Amino acid sequence: WPLEPAFLVPDEARQEFRKALERGKAWEAEWEMRAAAY
């Protein structure tokens, strides 16, 4: 693992985090639709 910087967040991890945010938004929208139908 690189010695510097002291706390490293790899670009791959940042990209996965952005994807996770999009999945979360999609799941939230699905929940709102189900709640409205209910």
Full PDB file with SEQRES, HELIX, SHEET, SSBOND, CRYST1, ORIGX, SCALE, CONECT and MASTER records, all heavy atoms in Angstrom:
SEQRES   1 A   38  TRP PRO LEU GLU PRO ALA PHE LEU VAL PRO ASP GLU ALA          
SEQRES   2 A   38  ARG GLN GLU PHE ARG LYS ALA LEU GLU ARG GLY LYS ALA          
SEQRES   3 A   38  TRP GLU ALA GLU TRP GLU MET ARG ALA ALA ALA TYR              
HELIX    1 AA1 ASP A   11  ALA A   37  1                                  27    
CRYST1    1.000    1.000    1.000  90.00  90.00  90.00 P 1           1          
ORIGX1      1.000000  0.000000  0.000000        0.00000                         
ORIGX2      0.000000  1.000000  0.000000        0.00000                         
ORIGX3      0.000000  0.000000  1.000000        0.00000                         
SCALE1      1.000000  0.000000  0.000000        0.00000                         
SCALE2      0.000000  1.000000  0.000000        0.00000                         
SCALE3      0.000000  0.000000  1.000000        0.00000                         
ATOM      1  N   TRP A   1       0.854  -1.195   0.000  1.00  0.00           N  
ATOM      2  CA  TRP A   1       0.000   0.000   0.000  1.00  0.00           C  
ATOM      3  C   TRP A   1       0.890   1.245   0.000  1.00  0.00           C  
ATOM      4  O   TRP A   1       1.912   1.259   0.690  1.00  0.00           O  
ATOM      5  CB  TRP A   1      -0.872  -0.010   1.251  1.00  0.00           C  
ATOM      6  CG  TRP A   1      -2.041   0.944   1.218  1.00  0.00           C  
ATOM      7  CD1 TRP A   1      -2.136   2.138   1.846  1.00  0.00           C  
ATOM      8  CD2 TRP A   1      -3.286   0.745   0.548  1.00  0.00           C  
ATOM      9  NE1 TRP A   1      -3.351   2.715   1.604  1.00  0.00           N  
ATOM     10  CE2 TRP A   1      -4.093   1.880   0.811  1.00  0.00           C  
ATOM     11  CE3 TRP A   1      -3.799  -0.273  -0.256  1.00  0.00           C  
ATOM     12  CZ2 TRP A   1      -5.372   2.023   0.286  1.00  0.00           C  
ATOM     13  CZ3 TRP A   1      -5.073  -0.132  -0.763  1.00  0.00           C  
ATOM     14  CH2 TRP A   1      -5.853   1.006  -0.498  1.00  0.00           C  
ATOM     15  N   PRO A   2       0.544   2.297  -0.740  1.00  0.00           N  
ATOM     16  CA  PRO A   2       1.382   3.505  -0.754  1.00  0.00           C  
ATOM     17  C   PRO A   2       1.571   4.075   0.648  1.00  0.00           C  
ATOM     18  O   PRO A   2       0.633   4.116   1.446  1.00  0.00           O  
ATOM     19  CB  PRO A   2       0.592   4.466  -1.647  1.00  0.00           C  
ATOM     20  CG  PRO A   2      -0.259   3.581  -2.501  1.00  0.00           C  
ATOM     21  CD  PRO A   2      -0.614   2.415  -1.648  1.00  0.00           C  
ATOM     22  N   LEU A   3       2.767   4.523   0.938  1.00  0.00           N  
ATOM     23  CA  LEU A   3       3.045   5.111   2.244  1.00  0.00           C  
ATOM     24  C   LEU A   3       2.446   6.504   2.385  1.00  0.00           C  
ATOM     25  O   LEU A   3       2.119   6.938   3.498  1.00  0.00           O  
ATOM     26  CB  LEU A   3       4.562   5.175   2.477  1.00  0.00           C  
ATOM     27  CG  LEU A   3       5.302   3.830   2.506  1.00  0.00           C  
ATOM     28  CD1 LEU A   3       6.784   4.062   2.766  1.00  0.00           C  
ATOM     29  CD2 LEU A   3       4.707   2.903   3.554  1.00  0.00           C  
ATOM     30  N   GLU A   4       2.290   7.196   1.288  1.00  0.00           N  
ATOM     31  CA  GLU A   4       1.700   8.537   1.285  1.00  0.00           C  
ATOM     32  C   GLU A   4       0.583   8.592   0.258  1.00  0.00           C  
ATOM     33  O   GLU A   4       0.671   7.936  -0.784  1.00  0.00           O  
ATOM     34  CB  GLU A   4       2.776   9.591   0.966  1.00  0.00           C  
ATOM     35  CG  GLU A   4       3.889   9.673   1.984  1.00  0.00           C  
ATOM     36  CD  GLU A   4       3.421  10.157   3.336  1.00  0.00           C  
ATOM     37  OE1 GLU A   4       2.337  10.806   3.388  1.00  0.00           O  
ATOM     38  OE2 GLU A   4       4.115   9.909   4.331  1.00  0.00           O  
ATOM     39  N   PRO A   5      -0.491   9.334   0.557  1.00  0.00           N  
ATOM     40  CA  PRO A   5      -0.756  10.105   1.771  1.00  0.00           C  
ATOM     41  C   PRO A   5      -1.045   9.200   2.965  1.00  0.00           C  
ATOM     42  O   PRO A   5      -1.225   7.989   2.809  1.00  0.00           O  
ATOM     43  CB  PRO A   5      -1.979  10.943   1.397  1.00  0.00           C  
ATOM     44  CG  PRO A   5      -2.693  10.096   0.381  1.00  0.00           C  
ATOM     45  CD  PRO A   5      -1.610   9.415  -0.399  1.00  0.00           C  
ATOM     46  N   ALA A   6      -1.110   9.795   4.143  1.00  0.00           N  
ATOM     47  CA  ALA A   6      -1.313   9.009   5.356  1.00  0.00           C  
ATOM     48  C   ALA A   6      -2.631   8.243   5.309  1.00  0.00           C  
ATOM     49  O   ALA A   6      -2.713   7.094   5.766  1.00  0.00           O  
ATOM     50  CB  ALA A   6      -1.260   9.928   6.583  1.00  0.00           C  
ATOM     51  N   PHE A   7      -3.672   8.843   4.752  1.00  0.00           N  
ATOM     52  CA  PHE A   7      -4.979   8.182   4.616  1.00  0.00           C  
ATOM     53  C   PHE A   7      -5.385   8.245   3.157  1.00  0.00           C  
ATOM     54  O   PHE A   7      -5.686   9.318   2.631  1.00  0.00           O  
ATOM     55  CB  PHE A   7      -6.029   8.863   5.490  1.00  0.00           C  
ATOM     56  CG  PHE A   7      -7.344   8.133   5.524  1.00  0.00           C  
ATOM     57  CD1 PHE A   7      -7.527   7.056   6.370  1.00  0.00           C  
ATOM     58  CD2 PHE A   7      -8.387   8.517   4.693  1.00  0.00           C  
ATOM     59  CE1 PHE A   7      -8.740   6.378   6.400  1.00  0.00           C  
ATOM     60  CE2 PHE A   7      -9.594   7.840   4.717  1.00  0.00           C  
ATOM     61  CZ  PHE A   7      -9.772   6.774   5.574  1.00  0.00           C  
ATOM     62  N   LEU A   8      -5.354   7.116   2.503  1.00  0.00           N  
ATOM     63  CA  LEU A   8      -5.592   7.062   1.059  1.00  0.00           C  
ATOM     64  C   LEU A   8      -6.922   6.388   0.751  1.00  0.00           C  
ATOM     65  O   LEU A   8      -7.204   5.293   1.249  1.00  0.00           O  
ATOM     66  CB  LEU A   8      -4.460   6.288   0.376  1.00  0.00           C  
ATOM     67  CG  LEU A   8      -4.651   5.982  -1.112  1.00  0.00           C  
ATOM     68  CD1 LEU A   8      -4.667   7.269  -1.926  1.00  0.00           C  
ATOM     69  CD2 LEU A   8      -3.571   5.032  -1.601  1.00  0.00           C  
ATOM     70  N   VAL A   9      -7.725   7.055  -0.060  1.00  0.00           N  
ATOM     71  CA  VAL A   9      -8.949   6.453  -0.595  1.00  0.00           C  
ATOM     72  C   VAL A   9      -8.737   6.283  -2.094  1.00  0.00           C  
ATOM     73  O   VAL A   9      -8.716   7.272  -2.838  1.00  0.00           O  
ATOM     74  CB  VAL A   9     -10.186   7.328  -0.329  1.00  0.00           C  
ATOM     75  CG1 VAL A   9     -11.438   6.676  -0.926  1.00  0.00           C  
ATOM     76  CG2 VAL A   9     -10.371   7.553   1.168  1.00  0.00           C  
ATOM     77  N   PRO A  10      -8.560   5.057  -2.590  1.00  0.00           N  
ATOM     78  CA  PRO A  10      -8.275   4.850  -4.019  1.00  0.00           C  
ATOM     79  C   PRO A  10      -9.410   5.348  -4.907  1.00  0.00           C  
ATOM     80  O   PRO A  10     -10.574   5.386  -4.496  1.00  0.00           O  
ATOM     81  CB  PRO A  10      -8.124   3.327  -4.125  1.00  0.00           C  
ATOM     82  CG  PRO A  10      -7.820   2.868  -2.737  1.00  0.00           C  
ATOM     83  CD  PRO A  10      -8.554   3.792  -1.833  1.00  0.00           C  
ATOM     84  N   ASP A  11      -9.065   5.714  -6.120  1.00  0.00           N  
ATOM     85  CA  ASP A  11     -10.068   6.195  -7.062  1.00  0.00           C  
ATOM     86  C   ASP A  11     -11.151   5.147  -7.307  1.00  0.00           C  
ATOM     87  O   ASP A  11     -12.326   5.489  -7.485  1.00  0.00           O  
ATOM     88  CB  ASP A  11      -9.404   6.579  -8.386  1.00  0.00           C  
ATOM     89  CG  ASP A  11      -8.541   7.833  -8.250  1.00  0.00           C  
ATOM     90  OD1 ASP A  11      -8.780   8.619  -7.314  1.00  0.00           O  
ATOM     91  OD2 ASP A  11      -7.625   8.012  -9.080  1.00  0.00           O  
ATOM     92  N   GLU A  12     -10.751   3.856  -7.332  1.00  0.00           N  
ATOM     93  CA  GLU A  12     -11.740   2.795  -7.558  1.00  0.00           C  
ATOM     94  C   GLU A  12     -12.810   2.803  -6.464  1.00  0.00           C  
ATOM     95  O   GLU A  12     -13.998   2.579  -6.727  1.00  0.00           O  
ATOM     96  CB  GLU A  12     -11.053   1.432  -7.594  1.00  0.00           C  
ATOM     97  CG  GLU A  12     -10.087   1.244  -8.762  1.00  0.00           C  
ATOM     98  CD  GLU A  12      -8.707   1.748  -8.456  1.00  0.00           C  
ATOM     99  OE1 GLU A  12      -8.538   2.448  -7.423  1.00  0.00           O  
ATOM    100  OE2 GLU A  12      -7.788   1.455  -9.241  1.00  0.00           O  
ATOM    101  N   ALA A  13     -12.370   3.052  -5.218  1.00  0.00           N  
ATOM    102  CA  ALA A  13     -13.320   3.098  -4.109  1.00  0.00           C  
ATOM    103  C   ALA A  13     -14.265   4.287  -4.242  1.00  0.00           C  
ATOM    104  O   ALA A  13     -15.471   4.184  -3.968  1.00  0.00           O  
ATOM    105  CB  ALA A  13     -12.566   3.155  -2.783  1.00  0.00           C  
ATOM    106  N   ARG A  14     -13.736   5.424  -4.662  1.00  0.00           N  
ATOM    107  CA  ARG A  14     -14.575   6.601  -4.855  1.00  0.00           C  
ATOM    108  C   ARG A  14     -15.618   6.355  -5.944  1.00  0.00           C  
ATOM    109  O   ARG A  14     -16.777   6.767  -5.824  1.00  0.00           O  
ATOM    110  CB  ARG A  14     -13.705   7.804  -5.227  1.00  0.00           C  
ATOM    111  CG  ARG A  14     -12.729   8.235  -4.124  1.00  0.00           C  
ATOM    112  CD  ARG A  14     -11.895   9.421  -4.573  1.00  0.00           C  
ATOM    113  NE  ARG A  14     -10.869   9.745  -3.623  1.00  0.00           N  
ATOM    114  CZ  ARG A  14     -11.033  10.513  -2.555  1.00  0.00           C  
ATOM    115  NH1 ARG A  14     -12.221  11.043  -2.326  1.00  0.00           N  
ATOM    116  NH2 ARG A  14     -10.030  10.774  -1.728  1.00  0.00           N  
ATOM    117  N   GLN A  15     -15.218   5.671  -7.001  1.00  0.00           N  
ATOM    118  CA  GLN A  15     -16.155   5.378  -8.087  1.00  0.00           C  
ATOM    119  C   GLN A  15     -17.270   4.440  -7.608  1.00  0.00           C  
ATOM    120  O   GLN A  15     -18.434   4.628  -7.947  1.00  0.00           O  
ATOM    121  CB  GLN A  15     -15.405   4.777  -9.271  1.00  0.00           C  
ATOM    122  CG  GLN A  15     -14.445   5.750  -9.949  1.00  0.00           C  
ATOM    123  CD  GLN A  15     -13.578   5.073 -10.989  1.00  0.00           C  
ATOM    124  OE1 GLN A  15     -13.716   3.888 -11.260  1.00  0.00           O  
ATOM    125  NE2 GLN A  15     -12.657   5.834 -11.592  1.00  0.00           N  
ATOM    126  N   GLU A  16     -16.890   3.428  -6.819  1.00  0.00           N  
ATOM    127  CA  GLU A  16     -17.900   2.503  -6.289  1.00  0.00           C  
ATOM    128  C   GLU A  16     -18.867   3.237  -5.373  1.00  0.00           C  
ATOM    129  O   GLU A  16     -20.065   2.934  -5.342  1.00  0.00           O  
ATOM    130  CB  GLU A  16     -17.226   1.356  -5.543  1.00  0.00           C  
ATOM    131  CG  GLU A  16     -16.585   0.325  -6.454  1.00  0.00           C  
ATOM    132  CD  GLU A  16     -17.602  -0.341  -7.363  1.00  0.00           C  
ATOM    133  OE1 GLU A  16     -18.723  -0.654  -6.894  1.00  0.00           O  
ATOM    134  OE2 GLU A  16     -17.286  -0.548  -8.549  1.00  0.00           O  
ATOM    135  N   PHE A  17     -18.356   4.205  -4.606  1.00  0.00           N  
ATOM    136  CA  PHE A  17     -19.210   4.976  -3.715  1.00  0.00           C  
ATOM    137  C   PHE A  17     -20.235   5.762  -4.513  1.00  0.00           C  
ATOM    138  O   PHE A  17     -21.416   5.845  -4.149  1.00  0.00           O  
ATOM    139  CB  PHE A  17     -18.357   5.914  -2.860  1.00  0.00           C  
ATOM    140  CG  PHE A  17     -19.155   6.753  -1.900  1.00  0.00           C  
ATOM    141  CD1 PHE A  17     -19.768   6.181  -0.798  1.00  0.00           C  
ATOM    142  CD2 PHE A  17     -19.299   8.120  -2.113  1.00  0.00           C  
ATOM    143  CE1 PHE A  17     -20.514   6.959   0.090  1.00  0.00           C  
ATOM    144  CE2 PHE A  17     -20.036   8.899  -1.235  1.00  0.00           C  
ATOM    145  CZ  PHE A  17     -20.648   8.318  -0.133  1.00  0.00           C  
ATOM    146  N   ARG A  18     -19.803   6.394  -5.647  1.00  0.00           N  
ATOM    147  CA  ARG A  18     -20.755   7.118  -6.493  1.00  0.00           C  
ATOM    148  C   ARG A  18     -21.824   6.175  -7.024  1.00  0.00           C  
ATOM    149  O   ARG A  18     -23.016   6.507  -7.076  1.00  0.00           O  
ATOM    150  CB  ARG A  18     -20.004   7.781  -7.657  1.00  0.00           C  
ATOM    151  CG  ARG A  18     -19.056   8.917  -7.236  1.00  0.00           C  
ATOM    152  CD  ARG A  18     -18.561   9.688  -8.418  1.00  0.00           C  
ATOM    153  NE  ARG A  18     -17.321  10.396  -8.100  1.00  0.00           N  
ATOM    154  CZ  ARG A  18     -16.145   9.989  -8.397  1.00  0.00           C  
ATOM    155  NH1 ARG A  18     -15.973   8.828  -9.014  1.00  0.00           N  
ATOM    156  NH2 ARG A  18     -15.084  10.716  -8.089  1.00  0.00           N  
ATOM    157  N   LYS A  19     -21.418   4.930  -7.416  1.00  0.00           N  
ATOM    158  CA  LYS A  19     -22.424   3.972  -7.903  1.00  0.00           C  
ATOM    159  C   LYS A  19     -23.400   3.593  -6.806  1.00  0.00           C  
ATOM    160  O   LYS A  19     -24.601   3.406  -7.045  1.00  0.00           O  
ATOM    161  CB  LYS A  19     -21.705   2.725  -8.427  1.00  0.00           C  
ATOM    162  CG  LYS A  19     -20.871   2.974  -9.681  1.00  0.00           C  
ATOM    163  CD  LYS A  19     -20.111   1.707 -10.081  1.00  0.00           C  
ATOM    164  CE  LYS A  19     -19.212   1.965 -11.273  1.00  0.00           C  
ATOM    165  NZ  LYS A  19     -18.420   0.751 -11.648  1.00  0.00           N  
ATOM    166  N   ALA A  20     -22.874   3.433  -5.576  1.00  0.00           N  
ATOM    167  CA  ALA A  20     -23.734   3.073  -4.452  1.00  0.00           C  
ATOM    168  C   ALA A  20     -24.770   4.167  -4.178  1.00  0.00           C  
ATOM    169  O   ALA A  20     -25.927   3.878  -3.855  1.00  0.00           O  
ATOM    170  CB  ALA A  20     -22.881   2.830  -3.201  1.00  0.00           C  
ATOM    171  N   LEU A  21     -24.361   5.416  -4.325  1.00  0.00           N  
ATOM    172  CA  LEU A  21     -25.298   6.525  -4.145  1.00  0.00           C  
ATOM    173  C   LEU A  21     -26.428   6.451  -5.168  1.00  0.00           C  
ATOM    174  O   LEU A  21     -27.597   6.662  -4.829  1.00  0.00           O  
ATOM    175  CB  LEU A  21     -24.563   7.860  -4.272  1.00  0.00           C  
ATOM    176  CG  LEU A  21     -23.642   8.260  -3.110  1.00  0.00           C  
ATOM    177  CD1 LEU A  21     -22.939   9.571  -3.421  1.00  0.00           C  
ATOM    178  CD2 LEU A  21     -24.436   8.381  -1.813  1.00  0.00           C  
ATOM    179  N   GLU A  22     -26.084   6.136  -6.402  1.00  0.00           N  
ATOM    180  CA  GLU A  22     -27.111   6.048  -7.449  1.00  0.00           C  
ATOM    181  C   GLU A  22     -28.061   4.888  -7.182  1.00  0.00           C  
ATOM    182  O   GLU A  22     -29.277   5.013  -7.372  1.00  0.00           O  
ATOM    183  CB  GLU A  22     -26.450   5.898  -8.821  1.00  0.00           C  
ATOM    184  CG  GLU A  22     -25.666   7.133  -9.260  1.00  0.00           C  
ATOM    185  CD  GLU A  22     -26.532   8.377  -9.286  1.00  0.00           C  
ATOM    186  OE1 GLU A  22     -27.681   8.298  -9.763  1.00  0.00           O  
ATOM    187  OE2 GLU A  22     -26.055   9.430  -8.820  1.00  0.00           O  
ATOM    188  N   ARG A  23     -27.508   3.757  -6.736  1.00  0.00           N  
ATOM    189  CA  ARG A  23     -28.378   2.621  -6.403  1.00  0.00           C  
ATOM    190  C   ARG A  23     -29.306   2.985  -5.241  1.00  0.00           C  
ATOM    191  O   ARG A  23     -30.488   2.619  -5.241  1.00  0.00           O  
ATOM    192  CB  ARG A  23     -27.530   1.402  -6.048  1.00  0.00           C  
ATOM    193  CG  ARG A  23     -26.793   0.791  -7.219  1.00  0.00           C  
ATOM    194  CD  ARG A  23     -26.299  -0.612  -6.893  1.00  0.00           C  
ATOM    195  NE  ARG A  23     -25.321  -0.595  -5.812  1.00  0.00           N  
ATOM    196  CZ  ARG A  23     -24.008  -0.523  -5.997  1.00  0.00           C  
ATOM    197  NH1 ARG A  23     -23.522  -0.438  -7.237  1.00  0.00           N  
ATOM    198  NH2 ARG A  23     -23.177  -0.527  -4.978  1.00  0.00           N  
ATOM    199  N   GLY A  24     -28.768   3.697  -4.272  1.00  0.00           N  
ATOM    200  CA  GLY A  24     -29.587   4.104  -3.142  1.00  0.00           C  
ATOM    201  C   GLY A  24     -30.729   5.012  -3.560  1.00  0.00           C  
ATOM    202  O   GLY A  24     -31.864   4.881  -3.077  1.00  0.00           O  
ATOM    203  N   LYS A  25     -30.454   5.945  -4.464  1.00  0.00           N  
ATOM    204  CA  LYS A  25     -31.499   6.839  -4.964  1.00  0.00           C  
ATOM    205  C   LYS A  25     -32.583   6.050  -5.702  1.00  0.00           C  
ATOM    206  O   LYS A  25     -33.779   6.351  -5.577  1.00  0.00           O  
ATOM    207  CB  LYS A  25     -30.886   7.894  -5.887  1.00  0.00           C  
ATOM    208  CG  LYS A  25     -30.000   8.904  -5.168  1.00  0.00           C  
ATOM    209  CD  LYS A  25     -29.389   9.885  -6.157  1.00  0.00           C  
ATOM    210  CE  LYS A  25     -28.481  10.883  -5.453  1.00  0.00           C  
ATOM    211  NZ  LYS A  25     -27.836  11.822  -6.404  1.00  0.00           N  
ATOM    212  N   ALA A  26     -32.163   5.042  -6.477  1.00  0.00           N  
ATOM    213  CA  ALA A  26     -33.135   4.222  -7.210  1.00  0.00           C  
ATOM    214  C   ALA A  26     -34.009   3.427  -6.244  1.00  0.00           C  
ATOM    215  O   ALA A  26     -35.231   3.322  -6.432  1.00  0.00           O  
ATOM    216  CB  ALA A  26     -32.405   3.281  -8.165  1.00  0.00           C  
ATOM    217  N   TRP A  27     -33.390   2.863  -5.195  1.00  0.00           N  
ATOM    218  CA  TRP A  27     -34.167   2.111  -4.203  1.00  0.00           C  
ATOM    219  C   TRP A  27     -35.126   3.016  -3.434  1.00  0.00           C  
ATOM    220  O   TRP A  27     -36.250   2.624  -3.118  1.00  0.00           O  
ATOM    221  CB  TRP A  27     -33.217   1.403  -3.238  1.00  0.00           C  
ATOM    222  CG  TRP A  27     -32.466   0.271  -3.847  1.00  0.00           C  
ATOM    223  CD1 TRP A  27     -32.826  -0.474  -4.931  1.00  0.00           C  
ATOM    224  CD2 TRP A  27     -31.200  -0.242  -3.426  1.00  0.00           C  
ATOM    225  NE1 TRP A  27     -31.872  -1.420  -5.211  1.00  0.00           N  
ATOM    226  CE2 TRP A  27     -30.873  -1.302  -4.314  1.00  0.00           C  
ATOM    227  CE3 TRP A  27     -30.316   0.084  -2.404  1.00  0.00           C  
ATOM    228  CZ2 TRP A  27     -29.692  -2.037  -4.177  1.00  0.00           C  
ATOM    229  CZ3 TRP A  27     -29.148  -0.645  -2.269  1.00  0.00           C  
ATOM    230  CH2 TRP A  27     -28.841  -1.695  -3.149  1.00  0.00           C  
ATOM    231  N   GLU A  28     -34.686   4.233  -3.150  1.00  0.00           N  
ATOM    232  CA  GLU A  28     -35.559   5.185  -2.448  1.00  0.00           C  
ATOM    233  C   GLU A  28     -36.760   5.535  -3.316  1.00  0.00           C  
ATOM    234  O   GLU A  28     -37.904   5.619  -2.826  1.00  0.00           O  
ATOM    235  CB  GLU A  28     -34.781   6.440  -2.079  1.00  0.00           C  
ATOM    236  CG  GLU A  28     -35.607   7.443  -1.286  1.00  0.00           C  
ATOM    237  CD  GLU A  28     -34.817   8.672  -0.889  1.00  0.00           C  
ATOM    238  OE1 GLU A  28     -33.671   8.828  -1.363  1.00  0.00           O  
ATOM    239  OE2 GLU A  28     -35.342   9.486  -0.111  1.00  0.00           O  
ATOM    240  N   ALA A  29     -36.518   5.749  -4.608  1.00  0.00           N  
ATOM    241  CA  ALA A  29     -37.615   6.065  -5.519  1.00  0.00           C  
ATOM    242  C   ALA A  29     -38.598   4.895  -5.611  1.00  0.00           C  
ATOM    243  O   ALA A  29     -39.822   5.097  -5.638  1.00  0.00           O  
ATOM    244  CB  ALA A  29     -37.061   6.405  -6.907  1.00  0.00           C  
ATOM    245  N   GLU A  30     -38.065   3.666  -5.642  1.00  0.00           N  
ATOM    246  CA  GLU A  30     -38.940   2.489  -5.680  1.00  0.00           C  
ATOM    247  C   GLU A  30     -39.797   2.413  -4.427  1.00  0.00           C  
ATOM    248  O   GLU A  30     -40.993   2.098  -4.484  1.00  0.00           O  
ATOM    249  CB  GLU A  30     -38.093   1.226  -5.821  1.00  0.00           C  
ATOM    250  CG  GLU A  30     -38.919  -0.050  -5.862  1.00  0.00           C  
ATOM    251  CD  GLU A  30     -38.066  -1.300  -5.843  1.00  0.00           C  
ATOM    252  OE1 GLU A  30     -36.830  -1.181  -5.914  1.00  0.00           O  
ATOM    253  OE2 GLU A  30     -38.635  -2.404  -5.755  1.00  0.00           O  
ATOM    254  N   TRP A  31     -39.178   2.692  -3.273  1.00  0.00           N  
ATOM    255  CA  TRP A  31     -39.927   2.662  -2.021  1.00  0.00           C  
ATOM    256  C   TRP A  31     -41.046   3.702  -2.024  1.00  0.00           C  
ATOM    257  O   TRP A  31     -42.178   3.420  -1.594  1.00  0.00           O  
ATOM    258  CB  TRP A  31     -38.984   2.909  -0.849  1.00  0.00           C  
ATOM    259  CG  TRP A  31     -39.694   3.360   0.396  1.00  0.00           C  
ATOM    260  CD1 TRP A  31     -39.726   4.604   0.918  1.00  0.00           C  
ATOM    261  CD2 TRP A  31     -40.517   2.553   1.250  1.00  0.00           C  
ATOM    262  NE1 TRP A  31     -40.491   4.635   2.052  1.00  0.00           N  
ATOM    263  CE2 TRP A  31     -40.992   3.391   2.284  1.00  0.00           C  
ATOM    264  CE3 TRP A  31     -40.877   1.215   1.247  1.00  0.00           C  
ATOM    265  CZ2 TRP A  31     -41.824   2.929   3.299  1.00  0.00           C  
ATOM    266  CZ3 TRP A  31     -41.715   0.753   2.263  1.00  0.00           C  
ATOM    267  CH2 TRP A  31     -42.167   1.596   3.266  1.00  0.00           C  
ATOM    268  N   GLU A  32     -40.771   4.902  -2.519  1.00  0.00           N  
ATOM    269  CA  GLU A  32     -41.782   5.948  -2.552  1.00  0.00           C  
ATOM    270  C   GLU A  32     -42.956   5.537  -3.440  1.00  0.00           C  
ATOM    271  O   GLU A  32     -44.117   5.814  -3.113  1.00  0.00           O  
ATOM    272  CB  GLU A  32     -41.163   7.262  -3.058  1.00  0.00           C  
ATOM    273  CG  GLU A  32     -40.124   7.864  -2.130  1.00  0.00           C  
ATOM    274  CD  GLU A  32     -40.703   8.322  -0.800  1.00  0.00           C  
ATOM    275  OE1 GLU A  32     -41.947   8.476  -0.716  1.00  0.00           O  
ATOM    276  OE2 GLU A  32     -39.921   8.532   0.146  1.00  0.00           O  
ATOM    277  N   MET A  33     -42.669   4.859  -4.551  1.00  0.00           N  
ATOM    278  CA  MET A  33     -43.734   4.389  -5.430  1.00  0.00           C  
ATOM    279  C   MET A  33     -44.586   3.339  -4.727  1.00  0.00           C  
ATOM    280  O   MET A  33     -45.818   3.349  -4.808  1.00  0.00           O  
ATOM    281  CB  MET A  33     -43.144   3.826  -6.721  1.00  0.00           C  
ATOM    282  CG  MET A  33     -42.506   4.866  -7.630  1.00  0.00           C  
ATOM    283  SD  MET A  33     -41.738   4.128  -9.105  1.00  0.00           S  
ATOM    284  CE  MET A  33     -43.157   3.295  -9.840  1.00  0.00           C  
ATOM    285  N   ARG A  34     -43.933   2.407  -4.015  1.00  0.00           N  
ATOM    286  CA  ARG A  34     -44.671   1.369  -3.296  1.00  0.00           C  
ATOM    287  C   ARG A  34     -45.523   1.967  -2.190  1.00  0.00           C  
ATOM    288  O   ARG A  34     -46.658   1.552  -1.958  1.00  0.00           O  
ATOM    289  CB  ARG A  34     -43.691   0.347  -2.722  1.00  0.00           C  
ATOM    290  CG  ARG A  34     -43.015  -0.500  -3.783  1.00  0.00           C  
ATOM    291  CD  ARG A  34     -41.878  -1.318  -3.206  1.00  0.00           C  
ATOM    292  NE  ARG A  34     -42.311  -2.206  -2.152  1.00  0.00           N  
ATOM    293  CZ  ARG A  34     -41.491  -2.947  -1.407  1.00  0.00           C  
ATOM    294  NH1 ARG A  34     -40.192  -2.890  -1.617  1.00  0.00           N  
ATOM    295  NH2 ARG A  34     -41.970  -3.729  -0.477  1.00  0.00           N  
ATOM    296  N   ALA A  35     -44.964   2.952  -1.466  1.00  0.00           N  
ATOM    297  CA  ALA A  35     -45.716   3.593  -0.398  1.00  0.00           C  
ATOM    298  C   ALA A  35     -46.918   4.356  -0.946  1.00  0.00           C  
ATOM    299  O   ALA A  35     -48.006   4.339  -0.352  1.00  0.00           O  
ATOM    300  CB  ALA A  35     -44.801   4.532   0.387  1.00  0.00           C  
ATOM    301  N   ALA A  36     -46.736   5.019  -2.098  1.00  0.00           N  
ATOM    302  CA  ALA A  36     -47.843   5.754  -2.712  1.00  0.00           C  
ATOM    303  C   ALA A  36     -48.949   4.796  -3.170  1.00  0.00           C  
ATOM    304  O   ALA A  36     -50.143   5.071  -2.993  1.00  0.00           O  
ATOM    305  CB  ALA A  36     -47.330   6.583  -3.891  1.00  0.00           C  
ATOM    306  N   ALA A  37     -48.554   3.665  -3.766  1.00  0.00           N  
ATOM    307  CA  ALA A  37     -49.540   2.669  -4.201  1.00  0.00           C  
ATOM    308  C   ALA A  37     -50.293   2.100  -3.006  1.00  0.00           C  
ATOM    309  O   ALA A  37     -51.508   1.870  -3.065  1.00  0.00           O  
ATOM    310  CB  ALA A  37     -48.836   1.558  -4.972  1.00  0.00           C  
ATOM    311  N   TYR A  38     -49.586   1.884  -1.907  1.00  0.00           N  
ATOM    312  CA  TYR A  38     -50.212   1.372  -0.679  1.00  0.00           C  
ATOM    313  C   TYR A  38     -51.235   2.378  -0.157  1.00  0.00           C  
ATOM    314  O   TYR A  38     -52.361   2.017   0.208  1.00  0.00           O  
ATOM    315  CB  TYR A  38     -49.129   1.103   0.363  1.00  0.00           C  
ATOM    316  CG  TYR A  38     -49.635   0.568   1.686  1.00  0.00           C  
ATOM    317  CD1 TYR A  38     -49.685  -0.808   1.925  1.00  0.00           C  
ATOM    318  CD2 TYR A  38     -50.048   1.425   2.703  1.00  0.00           C  
ATOM    319  CE1 TYR A  38     -50.140  -1.297   3.132  1.00  0.00           C  
ATOM    320  CE2 TYR A  38     -50.507   0.939   3.910  1.00  0.00           C  
ATOM    321  CZ  TYR A  38     -50.548  -0.418   4.131  1.00  0.00           C  
ATOM    322  OH  TYR A  38     -51.004  -0.918   5.327  1.00  0.00           O  
TER     323      TYR A  38                                                      
MASTER        0    0    0    1    0    0    0    6  322    1    0    3          
END                                                                             
